[in-house]
């Protein structure tokens, strides 16, 4: 990722040949230096120099927008990593799943479940705003909901591809597919994997650019390593996209409320069993739950 900086100072003036003043002009302009005319250098006053007004640098470019400045500050830092996917999705063919004029859909680099995608808006007027602010724009919210619905369908299809063969609910459908000769619209109904996909936003995102999580509910991932990882998706810290725009008095806007959610005791998303602060025990339990969940 490139680290762009603004050109806030004028370029240095190159040294070149001095004009030829000629002998007559030199003799007129020169001042004889003798012991009687030479003055000792004035004593420097460091405090006066420090307090003296500094010359203003000439303006060498048009003023930048706040969004542009913010993007440059965070570019190259992990919090600003998503800008590269937004601006240059073609550079990441293995991670980018869908590109439109308005959004980019990518695989999360650190997935917290079997399926974990990020939907990134490409609008510079919105992607550096806090989600609560950006999604208060009705037109922007409508667009994001439409794109998220498409992303959720893709996520559900991939979840079915990965886990459908284990599902009891899918057995009749799988058998019909194996036999062949049955029209697609005549296949027995299988498991509704769309119900296993969640779409939402963290109340206080860790990444700088706005992104919507499209994630399967299983929380089965080696990338989930501590309580904060788990609670960001399994408490009101995870705000469903369908709940936007949030009312001004919605408690989920409050930092104190959300900090308390991150510090909550651990509870299994599937059976409701509590584990206090024992994350390792919860992880072992989630393995068991995952095996049962995928066989539903």
Protein backbone atom coordinates (compact mmCIF):
# COMPACT_ATOMS: atom_id res chain seq x y z
CA UNK A 1 0.00 0.00 0.00
CA UNK A 2 1.38 3.35 -0.92
CA UNK A 3 1.83 6.09 1.65
CA UNK A 4 0.83 9.32 -0.01
CA UNK A 5 1.86 12.69 1.39
CA UNK A 6 0.78 16.15 0.42
CA UNK A 7 3.11 18.72 -1.19
CA UNK A 8 2.92 21.37 1.53
CA UNK A 9 6.26 23.08 0.92
CA UNK A 10 7.72 24.70 -2.17
CA UNK A 11 10.46 22.78 -4.03
CA UNK A 12 14.05 23.93 -3.36
CA UNK A 13 15.50 26.44 -5.82
CA UNK A 14 18.34 24.87 -7.79
CA UNK A 15 21.79 26.46 -7.56
CA UNK A 16 22.87 28.02 -10.86
CA UNK A 17 25.55 30.36 -12.23
CA UNK A 18 25.51 33.84 -10.74
CA UNK A 19 25.11 36.79 -13.15
CA UNK A 20 28.31 38.46 -14.36
CA UNK A 21 28.26 41.91 -12.81
CA UNK A 22 31.39 43.09 -14.57
CA UNK A 23 34.42 44.74 -12.99
CA UNK A 24 32.89 48.24 -12.80
CA UNK A 25 29.71 47.12 -11.03
CA UNK A 26 31.66 44.90 -8.66
CA UNK A 27 33.90 47.79 -7.64
CA UNK A 28 30.88 50.03 -7.02
CA UNK A 29 28.89 47.52 -5.03
CA UNK A 30 31.71 46.03 -3.04
CA UNK A 31 32.35 47.40 0.45
CA UNK A 32 35.96 47.35 1.62
CA UNK A 33 36.45 45.15 4.65
CA UNK A 34 39.01 46.40 7.11
CA UNK A 35 39.67 45.90 10.77
CA UNK A 36 38.04 49.28 11.47
CA UNK A 37 34.79 48.57 9.55
CA UNK A 38 34.21 44.92 10.40
CA UNK A 39 31.61 44.40 13.15
CA UNK A 40 31.52 41.30 15.36
CA UNK A 41 28.52 38.99 14.68
CA UNK A 42 25.45 39.80 16.74
CA UNK A 43 24.81 37.49 19.67
CA UNK A 44 21.91 35.06 18.89
CA UNK A 45 18.87 35.13 21.11
CA UNK A 46 17.39 31.61 21.00
CA UNK A 47 14.15 32.66 22.71
CA UNK A 48 13.57 35.50 20.26
CA UNK A 49 14.18 33.19 17.32
CA UNK A 50 11.76 30.64 18.70
CA UNK A 51 8.99 33.21 19.23
CA UNK A 52 9.52 35.03 15.93
CA UNK A 53 6.69 34.55 13.37
CA UNK A 54 7.50 31.86 10.84
CA UNK A 55 7.07 32.52 7.12
CA UNK A 56 4.08 30.78 5.59
CA UNK A 57 4.78 28.09 3.02
CA UNK A 58 3.33 28.86 -0.41
CA UNK A 59 0.20 26.93 -1.38
CA UNK A 60 1.23 24.42 -4.01
CA UNK A 61 -2.00 22.44 -4.39
CA UNK A 62 -5.73 22.68 -3.85
CA UNK A 63 -6.99 22.03 -0.31
CA UNK A 64 -7.82 18.39 0.37
CA UNK A 65 -11.13 17.11 1.66
CA UNK A 66 -11.24 15.67 5.17
CA UNK A 67 -11.99 12.24 3.73
CA UNK A 68 -8.93 12.44 1.49
CA UNK A 69 -6.70 13.48 4.39
CA UNK A 70 -8.03 10.73 6.62
CA UNK A 71 -7.49 8.16 3.89
CA UNK A 72 -3.87 9.23 3.47
CA UNK A 73 -3.18 9.14 7.19
CA UNK A 74 -4.40 5.57 7.62
CA UNK A 75 -3.24 4.18 4.28
CA UNK A 76 -0.57 1.54 4.86
CA UNK A 77 -1.67 0.95 8.46
CA UNK A 78 -3.73 -2.14 9.29
CA UNK A 79 -6.78 -0.05 10.18
CA UNK A 80 -6.77 1.37 6.66
CA UNK A 81 -6.17 -1.87 4.80
CA UNK A 82 -9.66 -2.01 3.26
CA UNK A 83 -9.04 1.02 1.03
CA UNK A 84 -6.95 -1.11 -1.31
CA UNK A 85 -9.87 -3.48 -1.93
CA UNK A 86 -12.18 -0.52 -2.53
CA UNK A 87 -9.90 1.24 -5.01
CA UNK A 88 -8.14 -1.72 -6.64
CA UNK A 89 -10.24 -4.89 -6.30
CA UNK A 90 -8.59 -6.32 -9.42
CA UNK A 91 -5.37 -6.75 -7.43
CA UNK A 92 -6.99 -9.34 -5.13
CA UNK A 93 -8.58 -11.99 -7.35
CA UNK A 94 -8.39 -14.65 -4.62
CA UNK A 95 -10.20 -12.53 -2.02
CA UNK A 96 -12.69 -10.47 -4.01
CA UNK A 97 -16.00 -12.22 -4.77
CA UNK A 98 -18.08 -9.48 -6.38
CA UNK A 99 -17.53 -5.94 -7.63
CA UNK A 100 -20.14 -3.37 -8.58
CA UNK A 101 -20.04 0.37 -9.12
CA UNK A 102 -21.19 0.81 -5.50
CA UNK A 103 -19.60 -2.01 -3.48
CA UNK A 104 -16.89 -4.64 -3.24
CA UNK A 105 -17.55 -8.00 -1.57
CA UNK A 106 -14.51 -9.75 -0.10
CA UNK A 107 -13.62 -12.67 2.13
CA UNK A 108 -12.64 -11.56 5.63
CA UNK A 109 -8.90 -12.13 6.02
CA UNK A 110 -9.45 -13.27 9.62
CA UNK A 111 -12.79 -15.15 9.47
CA UNK A 112 -14.60 -15.72 12.73
CA UNK A 113 -16.96 -18.39 11.34
CA UNK A 114 -17.22 -20.91 8.51
CA UNK A 115 -18.42 -18.13 6.18
CA UNK A 116 -17.32 -14.58 6.86
CA UNK A 117 -17.53 -11.88 4.18
CA UNK A 118 -17.22 -8.09 4.20
CA UNK A 119 -19.29 -5.76 2.07
CA UNK A 120 -17.40 -2.51 1.38
CA UNK A 121 -19.11 0.62 0.01
CA UNK A 122 -17.08 2.53 -2.57
CA UNK A 123 -18.59 5.98 -1.94
CA UNK A 124 -15.90 8.38 -0.60
CA UNK A 125 -18.69 10.47 0.88
CA UNK A 126 -19.66 7.56 3.15
CA UNK A 127 -16.89 5.02 3.66
CA UNK A 128 -14.96 7.08 6.21
CA UNK A 129 -18.03 7.96 8.25
CA UNK A 130 -19.09 6.06 11.34
CA UNK A 131 -21.72 3.46 10.35
CA UNK A 132 -24.38 5.13 12.50
CA UNK A 133 -23.86 8.35 10.53
CA UNK A 134 -23.43 6.87 7.05
CA UNK A 135 -26.47 4.61 7.33
CA UNK A 136 -28.69 7.54 8.34
CA UNK A 137 -28.60 8.50 4.64
CA UNK A 138 -31.76 6.83 3.20
CA UNK A 139 -30.42 6.39 -0.34
CA UNK A 140 -27.11 4.97 0.87
CA UNK A 141 -28.86 2.64 3.32
CA UNK A 142 -31.20 1.37 0.61
CA UNK A 143 -28.27 0.60 -1.69
CA UNK A 144 -26.35 -1.21 1.08
CA UNK A 145 -29.40 -3.31 1.97
CA UNK A 146 -29.81 -4.41 -1.64
CA UNK A 147 -26.14 -5.29 -1.99
CA UNK A 148 -26.12 -7.07 1.37
CA UNK A 149 -29.10 -9.19 0.31
CA UNK A 150 -27.16 -10.38 -2.73
CA UNK A 151 -24.08 -11.05 -0.57
CA UNK A 152 -26.16 -13.03 1.95
CA UNK A 153 -27.50 -15.27 -0.84
CA UNK A 154 -23.96 -15.97 -2.02
CA UNK A 155 -22.91 -16.73 1.57
CA UNK A 156 -25.85 -19.11 2.08
CA UNK A 157 -25.06 -20.92 -1.18
CA UNK A 158 -21.44 -21.37 -0.14
CA UNK A 159 -22.46 -22.60 3.30
CA UNK A 160 -24.77 -25.14 1.65
CA UNK A 161 -21.95 -26.25 -0.63
CA UNK A 162 -19.56 -26.78 2.27
CA UNK A 163 -21.94 -28.32 4.81
CA UNK A 164 -25.00 -29.50 2.92
CA UNK A 165 -23.82 -33.11 2.67
CA UNK A 166 -23.82 -33.40 6.50
CA UNK A 167 -27.38 -32.11 6.99
CA UNK A 168 -30.25 -34.46 7.84
CA UNK A 169 -32.64 -31.82 6.49
CA UNK A 170 -30.85 -32.02 3.15
CA UNK A 171 -30.86 -35.82 2.88
CA UNK A 172 -33.84 -36.19 0.52
CA UNK A 173 -32.61 -33.34 -1.65
CA UNK A 174 -29.10 -34.76 -1.79
CA UNK A 175 -30.41 -38.21 -2.76
CA UNK A 176 -32.51 -36.73 -5.57
CA UNK A 177 -29.51 -34.82 -6.84
CA UNK A 178 -27.38 -37.98 -6.77
CA UNK A 179 -29.96 -39.92 -8.79
CA UNK A 180 -30.37 -37.16 -11.35
CA UNK A 181 -33.23 -36.75 -13.81
CA UNK A 182 -35.16 -34.38 -11.54
CA UNK A 183 -35.76 -30.79 -12.58
CA UNK A 184 -34.24 -28.26 -10.20
CA UNK A 185 -37.59 -26.74 -9.29
CA UNK A 186 -38.93 -30.23 -8.49
CA UNK A 187 -36.21 -31.11 -5.98
CA UNK A 188 -37.30 -31.74 -2.40
CA UNK A 189 -36.79 -28.70 -0.17
CA UNK A 190 -33.54 -28.76 1.73
CA UNK A 191 -32.18 -26.91 4.71
CA UNK A 192 -32.71 -23.15 4.59
CA UNK A 193 -29.13 -21.94 4.91
CA UNK A 194 -30.20 -18.32 4.47
CA UNK A 195 -31.42 -18.46 8.09
CA UNK A 196 -27.88 -19.30 9.19
CA UNK A 197 -26.41 -16.08 7.78
CA UNK A 198 -26.24 -12.87 9.81
CA UNK A 199 -25.77 -9.40 8.33
CA UNK A 200 -24.67 -6.51 10.52
CA UNK A 201 -22.13 -3.99 11.71
CA UNK A 202 -19.96 -3.60 14.79
CA UNK A 203 -21.02 -0.65 16.92
CA UNK A 204 -17.40 0.53 17.13
CA UNK A 205 -15.56 -0.89 14.10
CA UNK A 206 -11.85 -1.65 14.39
CA UNK A 207 -11.20 -0.93 10.70
CA UNK A 208 -11.31 2.64 9.43
CA UNK A 209 -13.49 2.08 6.38
CA UNK A 210 -17.16 1.22 6.70
CA UNK A 211 -17.90 -2.48 6.19
CA UNK A 212 -20.84 -4.81 6.71
CA UNK A 213 -20.26 -8.32 8.05
CA UNK A 214 -21.99 -11.23 6.32
CA UNK A 215 -21.24 -14.15 8.63
CA UNK A 216 -22.57 -17.64 9.39
CA UNK A 217 -23.76 -18.03 12.96
CA UNK A 218 -21.57 -21.03 13.89
CA UNK A 219 -18.51 -19.08 15.19
CA UNK A 220 -16.39 -22.08 14.20
CA UNK A 221 -12.95 -20.65 13.47
CA UNK A 222 -9.40 -20.85 14.74
CA UNK A 223 -9.25 -17.09 14.18
CA UNK A 224 -11.62 -16.52 17.11
CA UNK A 225 -9.06 -16.32 19.89
CA UNK A 226 -10.47 -14.38 22.83
CA UNK A 227 -13.60 -13.03 24.48
CA UNK A 228 -13.69 -9.79 22.49
CA UNK A 229 -13.68 -11.68 19.18
CA UNK A 230 -16.66 -13.72 20.34
CA UNK A 231 -18.67 -10.98 22.03
CA UNK A 232 -18.41 -8.58 19.10
CA UNK A 233 -20.68 -10.97 17.19
CA UNK A 234 -22.83 -12.40 19.99
CA UNK A 235 -24.00 -9.36 21.95
CA UNK A 236 -25.78 -6.14 20.92
CA UNK A 237 -22.32 -4.90 19.87
CA UNK A 238 -23.27 -6.55 16.56
CA UNK A 239 -26.01 -4.34 15.11
CA UNK A 240 -28.14 -5.99 12.38
CA UNK A 241 -28.25 -3.96 9.18
CA UNK A 242 -32.03 -4.27 9.19
CA UNK A 243 -32.14 -2.18 12.40
CA UNK A 244 -30.73 0.93 10.69
CA UNK A 245 -31.18 3.83 10.88
CA UNK A 246 -30.78 3.79 14.66
CA UNK A 247 -32.87 6.21 16.69
CA UNK A 248 -30.91 8.99 18.37
CA UNK A 249 -31.72 7.56 21.80
CA UNK A 250 -30.89 3.94 20.87
CA UNK A 251 -28.73 2.54 23.68
CA UNK A 252 -26.53 0.78 21.13
CA UNK A 253 -25.04 4.16 20.27
CA UNK A 254 -23.61 4.52 23.78
CA UNK A 255 -19.94 3.69 24.25
CA UNK A 256 -20.38 2.63 27.87
CA UNK A 257 -23.13 0.18 26.95
CA UNK A 258 -21.02 -1.35 24.19
CA UNK A 259 -17.88 -1.58 26.31
CA UNK A 260 -19.93 -3.54 28.82
CA UNK A 261 -21.05 -5.87 26.03
CA UNK A 262 -17.45 -6.62 25.12
CA UNK A 263 -16.74 -7.47 28.76
CA UNK A 264 -19.81 -9.70 29.17
CA UNK A 265 -19.46 -13.24 30.41
CA UNK A 266 -19.36 -15.79 27.62
CA UNK A 267 -22.57 -17.53 26.55
CA UNK A 268 -22.96 -20.18 23.85
CA UNK A 269 -24.84 -18.75 20.88
CA UNK A 270 -26.70 -22.03 20.30
CA UNK A 271 -27.67 -23.52 23.66
CA UNK A 272 -27.30 -20.52 25.99
CA UNK A 273 -24.89 -22.23 28.37
CA UNK A 274 -22.70 -19.79 30.31
CA UNK A 275 -18.91 -20.05 30.56
CA UNK A 276 -18.04 -16.97 32.59
CA UNK A 277 -14.59 -15.80 31.48
CA UNK A 278 -13.39 -19.27 30.44
CA UNK A 279 -12.85 -18.81 26.74
CA UNK A 280 -10.93 -22.07 26.25
CA UNK A 281 -13.89 -24.02 27.67
CA UNK A 282 -16.29 -22.16 25.39
CA UNK A 283 -14.10 -22.99 22.38
CA UNK A 284 -14.21 -26.70 23.19
CA UNK A 285 -17.96 -26.49 23.62
CA UNK A 286 -18.35 -24.67 20.29
CA UNK A 287 -16.62 -27.55 18.53
CA UNK A 288 -19.30 -29.91 19.84
CA UNK A 289 -22.07 -27.49 18.93
CA UNK A 290 -20.68 -27.08 15.43
CA UNK A 291 -20.82 -30.82 14.76
CA UNK A 292 -24.45 -30.95 15.90
CA UNK A 293 -25.41 -27.75 14.08
CA UNK A 294 -24.05 -28.85 10.72
CA UNK A 295 -26.01 -32.12 10.96
CA UNK A 296 -29.36 -30.42 11.53
